[in-house]
Amino acid sequence: MITRRDLDEQIEFIKGKINQTPEECVRLAAYYTIRDHLDGAELPQTYGDAPPVTAKTEESVVGNHGTSEFLHVIAGKDAETVWKVIDGTMDTLKLMEPRFYAGVIRKIQGLDT
């Protein structure tokens, strides 16, 4: 389990280096992204703790839209929480694979509303 304190320590360790490697810069960006999402989502201090249970309406729950492993895993989950996870993943993807990220964004922009 990763805690806010672990993230802060790793961030300070990398920031304290005079010359960071590209890999360390990517890790630093990922640590900041994770920390920001922990703060913004008001999630528990560790990933292993369950978030508080809230009443769910049909609109706030992800429906069953396919047979892939991903769609099966998110079916029935709180939509807002799933979107926060996807958003954080996309932030990391943008840093690590910018061309792939740009392709995904173009595909989504091309979808009909």
N, C-alpha and C. Protein backbone atom coordinates (compact mmCIF):
# COMPACT_ATOMS: atom_id res chain seq x y z
N MET A 1 0.84 -1.18 0.00
CA MET A 1 0.00 0.00 0.00
C MET A 1 0.89 1.24 0.00
N ILE A 2 0.48 2.21 -0.77
CA ILE A 2 1.22 3.46 -0.84
C ILE A 2 0.46 4.52 -0.06
N THR A 3 1.17 5.28 0.73
CA THR A 3 0.52 6.32 1.53
C THR A 3 0.94 7.69 1.01
N ARG A 4 0.24 8.68 1.44
CA ARG A 4 0.56 10.07 1.09
C ARG A 4 1.99 10.39 1.53
N ARG A 5 2.35 9.89 2.68
CA ARG A 5 3.70 10.13 3.22
C ARG A 5 4.76 9.51 2.31
N ASP A 6 4.51 8.27 1.83
CA ASP A 6 5.45 7.63 0.90
C ASP A 6 5.63 8.48 -0.36
N LEU A 7 4.51 8.97 -0.89
CA LEU A 7 4.58 9.80 -2.09
C LEU A 7 5.39 11.07 -1.85
N ASP A 8 5.10 11.74 -0.72
CA ASP A 8 5.82 12.97 -0.40
C ASP A 8 7.32 12.72 -0.25
N GLU A 9 7.70 11.60 0.37
CA GLU A 9 9.12 11.27 0.55
C GLU A 9 9.80 11.04 -0.80
N GLN A 10 9.14 10.29 -1.68
CA GLN A 10 9.72 10.02 -2.99
C GLN A 10 9.83 11.30 -3.82
N ILE A 11 8.82 12.15 -3.74
CA ILE A 11 8.84 13.42 -4.47
C ILE A 11 10.02 14.27 -3.99
N GLU A 12 10.19 14.40 -2.69
CA GLU A 12 11.27 15.22 -2.14
C GLU A 12 12.64 14.62 -2.48
N PHE A 13 12.73 13.29 -2.47
CA PHE A 13 13.99 12.63 -2.80
C PHE A 13 14.41 12.96 -4.23
N ILE A 14 13.49 12.82 -5.17
CA ILE A 14 13.82 13.09 -6.58
C ILE A 14 14.06 14.58 -6.80
N LYS A 15 13.23 15.43 -6.19
CA LYS A 15 13.41 16.87 -6.35
C LYS A 15 14.75 17.34 -5.78
N GLY A 16 15.26 16.65 -4.77
CA GLY A 16 16.51 17.04 -4.12
C GLY A 16 17.75 16.72 -4.93
N LYS A 17 17.62 15.90 -5.97
CA LYS A 17 18.76 15.56 -6.80
C LYS A 17 19.11 16.71 -7.72
N ILE A 18 20.37 16.89 -7.98
CA ILE A 18 20.83 17.98 -8.86
C ILE A 18 20.44 17.71 -10.30
N ASN A 19 20.72 16.52 -10.80
CA ASN A 19 20.41 16.16 -12.19
C ASN A 19 19.52 14.92 -12.20
N GLN A 20 18.26 15.11 -12.48
CA GLN A 20 17.34 13.98 -12.56
C GLN A 20 17.43 13.32 -13.94
N THR A 21 17.32 12.00 -13.95
CA THR A 21 17.27 11.27 -15.22
C THR A 21 15.87 11.40 -15.80
N PRO A 22 15.71 11.12 -17.10
CA PRO A 22 14.36 11.15 -17.68
C PRO A 22 13.41 10.19 -16.96
N GLU A 23 13.92 9.03 -16.56
CA GLU A 23 13.07 8.06 -15.85
C GLU A 23 12.60 8.62 -14.51
N GLU A 24 13.49 9.33 -13.83
CA GLU A 24 13.11 9.94 -12.54
C GLU A 24 12.08 11.04 -12.75
N CYS A 25 12.19 11.78 -13.84
CA CYS A 25 11.20 12.82 -14.14
C CYS A 25 9.83 12.22 -14.40
N VAL A 26 9.80 11.09 -15.10
CA VAL A 26 8.52 10.41 -15.35
C VAL A 26 7.94 9.90 -14.02
N ARG A 27 8.79 9.30 -13.19
CA ARG A 27 8.31 8.83 -11.88
C ARG A 27 7.80 9.99 -11.05
N LEU A 28 8.52 11.11 -11.08
CA LEU A 28 8.10 12.29 -10.32
C LEU A 28 6.73 12.75 -10.78
N ALA A 29 6.53 12.82 -12.08
CA ALA A 29 5.22 13.22 -12.61
C ALA A 29 4.13 12.25 -12.18
N ALA A 30 4.44 10.96 -12.21
CA ALA A 30 3.45 9.97 -11.78
C ALA A 30 3.13 10.12 -10.29
N TYR A 31 4.16 10.37 -9.48
CA TYR A 31 3.92 10.57 -8.04
C TYR A 31 3.03 11.79 -7.79
N TYR A 32 3.31 12.88 -8.51
CA TYR A 32 2.47 14.07 -8.37
C TYR A 32 1.02 13.77 -8.79
N THR A 33 0.86 13.05 -9.88
CA THR A 33 -0.48 12.72 -10.37
C THR A 33 -1.25 11.89 -9.34
N ILE A 34 -0.59 10.88 -8.81
CA ILE A 34 -1.24 10.03 -7.81
C ILE A 34 -1.60 10.86 -6.58
N ARG A 35 -0.66 11.68 -6.11
CA ARG A 35 -0.92 12.50 -4.92
C ARG A 35 -2.07 13.47 -5.16
N ASP A 36 -2.09 14.11 -6.34
CA ASP A 36 -3.16 15.05 -6.65
C ASP A 36 -4.51 14.36 -6.68
N HIS A 37 -4.56 13.15 -7.21
CA HIS A 37 -5.82 12.43 -7.26
C HIS A 37 -6.24 11.95 -5.88
N LEU A 38 -5.29 11.61 -5.04
CA LEU A 38 -5.63 11.25 -3.67
C LEU A 38 -6.24 12.45 -2.95
N ASP A 39 -5.63 13.63 -3.14
CA ASP A 39 -6.12 14.84 -2.50
C ASP A 39 -7.47 15.27 -3.06
N GLY A 40 -7.58 15.31 -4.39
CA GLY A 40 -8.78 15.80 -5.04
C GLY A 40 -9.98 14.90 -4.86
N ALA A 41 -9.75 13.60 -4.80
CA ALA A 41 -10.86 12.65 -4.69
C ALA A 41 -11.26 12.39 -3.25
N GLU A 42 -10.49 12.95 -2.33
CA GLU A 42 -10.73 12.72 -0.91
C GLU A 42 -10.83 11.22 -0.61
N LEU A 43 -9.88 10.48 -1.17
CA LEU A 43 -9.83 9.04 -0.93
C LEU A 43 -9.08 8.78 0.36
N PRO A 44 -9.15 7.56 0.89
CA PRO A 44 -8.41 7.23 2.09
C PRO A 44 -6.91 7.43 1.86
N GLN A 45 -6.13 7.48 2.93
CA GLN A 45 -4.70 7.73 2.83
C GLN A 45 -3.94 6.58 2.18
N THR A 46 -4.51 5.38 2.10
CA THR A 46 -3.85 4.27 1.43
C THR A 46 -4.81 3.67 0.42
N TYR A 47 -4.26 3.06 -0.62
CA TYR A 47 -5.09 2.46 -1.65
C TYR A 47 -5.83 1.23 -1.14
N GLY A 48 -5.32 0.57 -0.12
CA GLY A 48 -5.94 -0.65 0.37
C GLY A 48 -7.23 -0.43 1.15
N ASP A 49 -7.45 0.78 1.65
CA ASP A 49 -8.66 1.06 2.42
C ASP A 49 -9.84 1.27 1.48
N ALA A 50 -10.99 0.77 1.87
CA ALA A 50 -12.18 0.93 1.03
C ALA A 50 -12.73 2.34 1.20
N PRO A 51 -13.17 2.97 0.09
CA PRO A 51 -13.79 4.29 0.21
C PRO A 51 -15.14 4.16 0.90
N PRO A 52 -15.66 5.25 1.45
CA PRO A 52 -16.94 5.17 2.12
C PRO A 52 -18.05 4.78 1.14
N VAL A 53 -19.00 4.00 1.63
CA VAL A 53 -20.12 3.56 0.81
C VAL A 53 -21.16 4.67 0.74
N THR A 54 -21.61 4.97 -0.48
CA THR A 54 -22.65 5.97 -0.66
C THR A 54 -23.77 5.36 -1.48
N ALA A 55 -24.96 5.96 -1.37
CA ALA A 55 -26.09 5.47 -2.14
C ALA A 55 -25.83 5.74 -3.62
N LYS A 56 -26.13 4.75 -4.46
CA LYS A 56 -25.88 4.89 -5.89
C LYS A 56 -27.20 4.96 -6.64
N THR A 57 -27.25 5.88 -7.58
CA THR A 57 -28.39 5.94 -8.47
C THR A 57 -28.00 5.27 -9.78
N GLU A 58 -28.96 4.93 -10.58
CA GLU A 58 -28.69 4.25 -11.84
C GLU A 58 -27.78 5.08 -12.74
N GLU A 59 -27.92 6.41 -12.71
CA GLU A 59 -27.12 7.28 -13.55
C GLU A 59 -25.66 7.34 -13.10
N SER A 60 -25.39 7.09 -11.83
CA SER A 60 -24.02 7.22 -11.33
C SER A 60 -23.25 5.91 -11.36
N VAL A 61 -23.84 4.86 -11.92
CA VAL A 61 -23.20 3.55 -11.96
C VAL A 61 -22.88 3.21 -13.41
N VAL A 62 -21.68 2.66 -13.64
CA VAL A 62 -21.28 2.26 -14.98
C VAL A 62 -22.10 1.04 -15.39
N GLY A 63 -22.66 1.11 -16.58
CA GLY A 63 -23.45 0.00 -17.10
C GLY A 63 -22.57 -1.10 -17.68
N ASN A 64 -23.21 -2.17 -18.10
CA ASN A 64 -22.51 -3.28 -18.73
C ASN A 64 -22.54 -3.06 -20.23
N HIS A 65 -21.38 -2.66 -20.80
CA HIS A 65 -21.33 -2.26 -22.20
C HIS A 65 -20.43 -3.13 -23.07
N GLY A 66 -20.10 -4.32 -22.64
CA GLY A 66 -19.26 -5.17 -23.47
C GLY A 66 -18.72 -6.36 -22.72
N THR A 67 -17.82 -7.09 -23.39
CA THR A 67 -17.33 -8.34 -22.82
C THR A 67 -15.84 -8.32 -22.48
N SER A 68 -15.16 -7.19 -22.70
CA SER A 68 -13.73 -7.14 -22.38
C SER A 68 -13.53 -7.20 -20.87
N GLU A 69 -12.33 -7.57 -20.47
CA GLU A 69 -12.01 -7.62 -19.03
C GLU A 69 -12.25 -6.26 -18.38
N PHE A 70 -11.78 -5.19 -19.05
CA PHE A 70 -11.93 -3.84 -18.51
C PHE A 70 -13.40 -3.50 -18.29
N LEU A 71 -14.23 -3.70 -19.30
CA LEU A 71 -15.65 -3.35 -19.17
C LEU A 71 -16.34 -4.22 -18.12
N HIS A 72 -15.91 -5.46 -18.01
CA HIS A 72 -16.48 -6.34 -16.98
C HIS A 72 -16.12 -5.84 -15.58
N VAL A 73 -14.87 -5.39 -15.40
CA VAL A 73 -14.41 -4.93 -14.09
C VAL A 73 -15.12 -3.66 -13.65
N ILE A 74 -15.37 -2.72 -14.59
CA ILE A 74 -15.97 -1.44 -14.18
C ILE A 74 -17.50 -1.48 -14.12
N ALA A 75 -18.11 -2.51 -14.68
CA ALA A 75 -19.59 -2.61 -14.65
C ALA A 75 -20.08 -2.61 -13.21
N GLY A 76 -21.02 -1.73 -12.93
CA GLY A 76 -21.60 -1.63 -11.59
C GLY A 76 -20.84 -0.73 -10.63
N LYS A 77 -19.69 -0.22 -11.04
CA LYS A 77 -18.90 0.66 -10.18
C LYS A 77 -19.41 2.10 -10.29
N ASP A 78 -19.06 2.91 -9.30
CA ASP A 78 -19.43 4.32 -9.29
C ASP A 78 -18.74 5.01 -10.46
N ALA A 79 -19.50 5.63 -11.36
CA ALA A 79 -18.96 6.22 -12.59
C ALA A 79 -17.94 7.32 -12.30
N GLU A 80 -18.21 8.18 -11.34
CA GLU A 80 -17.29 9.28 -11.04
C GLU A 80 -15.93 8.76 -10.59
N THR A 81 -15.94 7.73 -9.78
CA THR A 81 -14.69 7.14 -9.29
C THR A 81 -13.93 6.48 -10.44
N VAL A 82 -14.64 5.78 -11.32
CA VAL A 82 -14.00 5.15 -12.47
C VAL A 82 -13.37 6.21 -13.36
N TRP A 83 -14.08 7.31 -13.60
CA TRP A 83 -13.54 8.39 -14.45
C TRP A 83 -12.29 9.00 -13.83
N LYS A 84 -12.23 9.12 -12.52
CA LYS A 84 -11.04 9.66 -11.87
C LYS A 84 -9.84 8.75 -12.08
N VAL A 85 -10.06 7.45 -12.01
CA VAL A 85 -8.98 6.50 -12.26
C VAL A 85 -8.52 6.61 -13.71
N ILE A 86 -9.47 6.65 -14.63
CA ILE A 86 -9.12 6.77 -16.05
C ILE A 86 -8.39 8.08 -16.31
N ASP A 87 -8.84 9.16 -15.71
CA ASP A 87 -8.19 10.46 -15.91
C ASP A 87 -6.74 10.42 -15.44
N GLY A 88 -6.50 9.84 -14.29
CA GLY A 88 -5.13 9.72 -13.79
C GLY A 88 -4.28 8.85 -14.70
N THR A 89 -4.87 7.79 -15.22
CA THR A 89 -4.16 6.92 -16.15
C THR A 89 -3.82 7.66 -17.43
N MET A 90 -4.75 8.47 -17.91
CA MET A 90 -4.50 9.25 -19.12
C MET A 90 -3.40 10.29 -18.88
N ASP A 91 -3.34 10.88 -17.69
CA ASP A 91 -2.26 11.83 -17.37
C ASP A 91 -0.90 11.13 -17.46
N THR A 92 -0.83 9.93 -16.92
CA THR A 92 0.41 9.16 -16.96
C THR A 92 0.75 8.78 -18.40
N LEU A 93 -0.26 8.34 -19.15
CA LEU A 93 -0.06 7.98 -20.55
C LEU A 93 0.45 9.17 -21.36
N LYS A 94 -0.08 10.36 -21.07
CA LYS A 94 0.36 11.56 -21.78
C LYS A 94 1.84 11.82 -21.56
N LEU A 95 2.32 11.55 -20.35
CA LEU A 95 3.74 11.76 -20.04
C LEU A 95 4.63 10.68 -20.65
N MET A 96 4.17 9.44 -20.58
CA MET A 96 5.01 8.33 -20.98
C MET A 96 4.91 7.99 -22.47
N GLU A 97 3.74 8.17 -23.07
CA GLU A 97 3.51 7.83 -24.47
C GLU A 97 2.69 8.93 -25.13
N PRO A 98 3.28 10.11 -25.34
CA PRO A 98 2.51 11.25 -25.83
C PRO A 98 1.85 11.02 -27.19
N ARG A 99 2.49 10.28 -28.09
CA ARG A 99 1.88 10.03 -29.40
C ARG A 99 0.66 9.13 -29.27
N PHE A 100 0.75 8.11 -28.45
CA PHE A 100 -0.39 7.22 -28.24
C PHE A 100 -1.54 7.99 -27.59
N TYR A 101 -1.20 8.81 -26.58
CA TYR A 101 -2.19 9.65 -25.91
C TYR A 101 -2.90 10.55 -26.92
N ALA A 102 -2.14 11.21 -27.79
CA ALA A 102 -2.73 12.11 -28.79
C ALA A 102 -3.67 11.34 -29.72
N GLY A 103 -3.31 10.12 -30.06
CA GLY A 103 -4.18 9.29 -30.91
C GLY A 103 -5.50 8.97 -30.22
N VAL A 104 -5.44 8.66 -28.94
CA VAL A 104 -6.67 8.38 -28.18
C VAL A 104 -7.55 9.62 -28.13
N ILE A 105 -6.95 10.76 -27.86
CA ILE A 105 -7.70 12.02 -27.80
C ILE A 105 -8.36 12.30 -29.15
N ARG A 106 -7.63 12.10 -30.25
CA ARG A 106 -8.23 12.32 -31.59
C ARG A 106 -9.41 11.40 -31.83
N LYS A 107 -9.30 10.13 -31.42
CA LYS A 107 -10.41 9.20 -31.60
C LYS A 107 -11.64 9.66 -30.81
N ILE A 108 -11.42 10.09 -29.59
CA ILE A 108 -12.54 10.52 -28.75
C ILE A 108 -13.17 11.81 -29.32
N GLN A 109 -12.33 12.72 -29.79
CA GLN A 109 -12.85 13.96 -30.38
C GLN A 109 -13.68 13.67 -31.63
N GLY A 110 -13.36 12.60 -32.33
CA GLY A 110 -14.08 12.24 -33.55
C GLY A 110 -15.38 11.48 -33.34
N LEU A 111 -15.67 11.15 -32.08
CA LEU A 111 -16.91 10.42 -31.80
C LEU A 111 -18.11 11.30 -31.95
N ASP A 112 -19.21 10.74 -32.41
CA ASP A 112 -20.47 11.47 -32.48
C ASP A 112 -21.03 11.62 -31.07
N THR A 113 -21.73 12.73 -30.84
CA THR A 113 -22.31 12.94 -29.50
C THR A 113 -23.69 12.34 -29.41
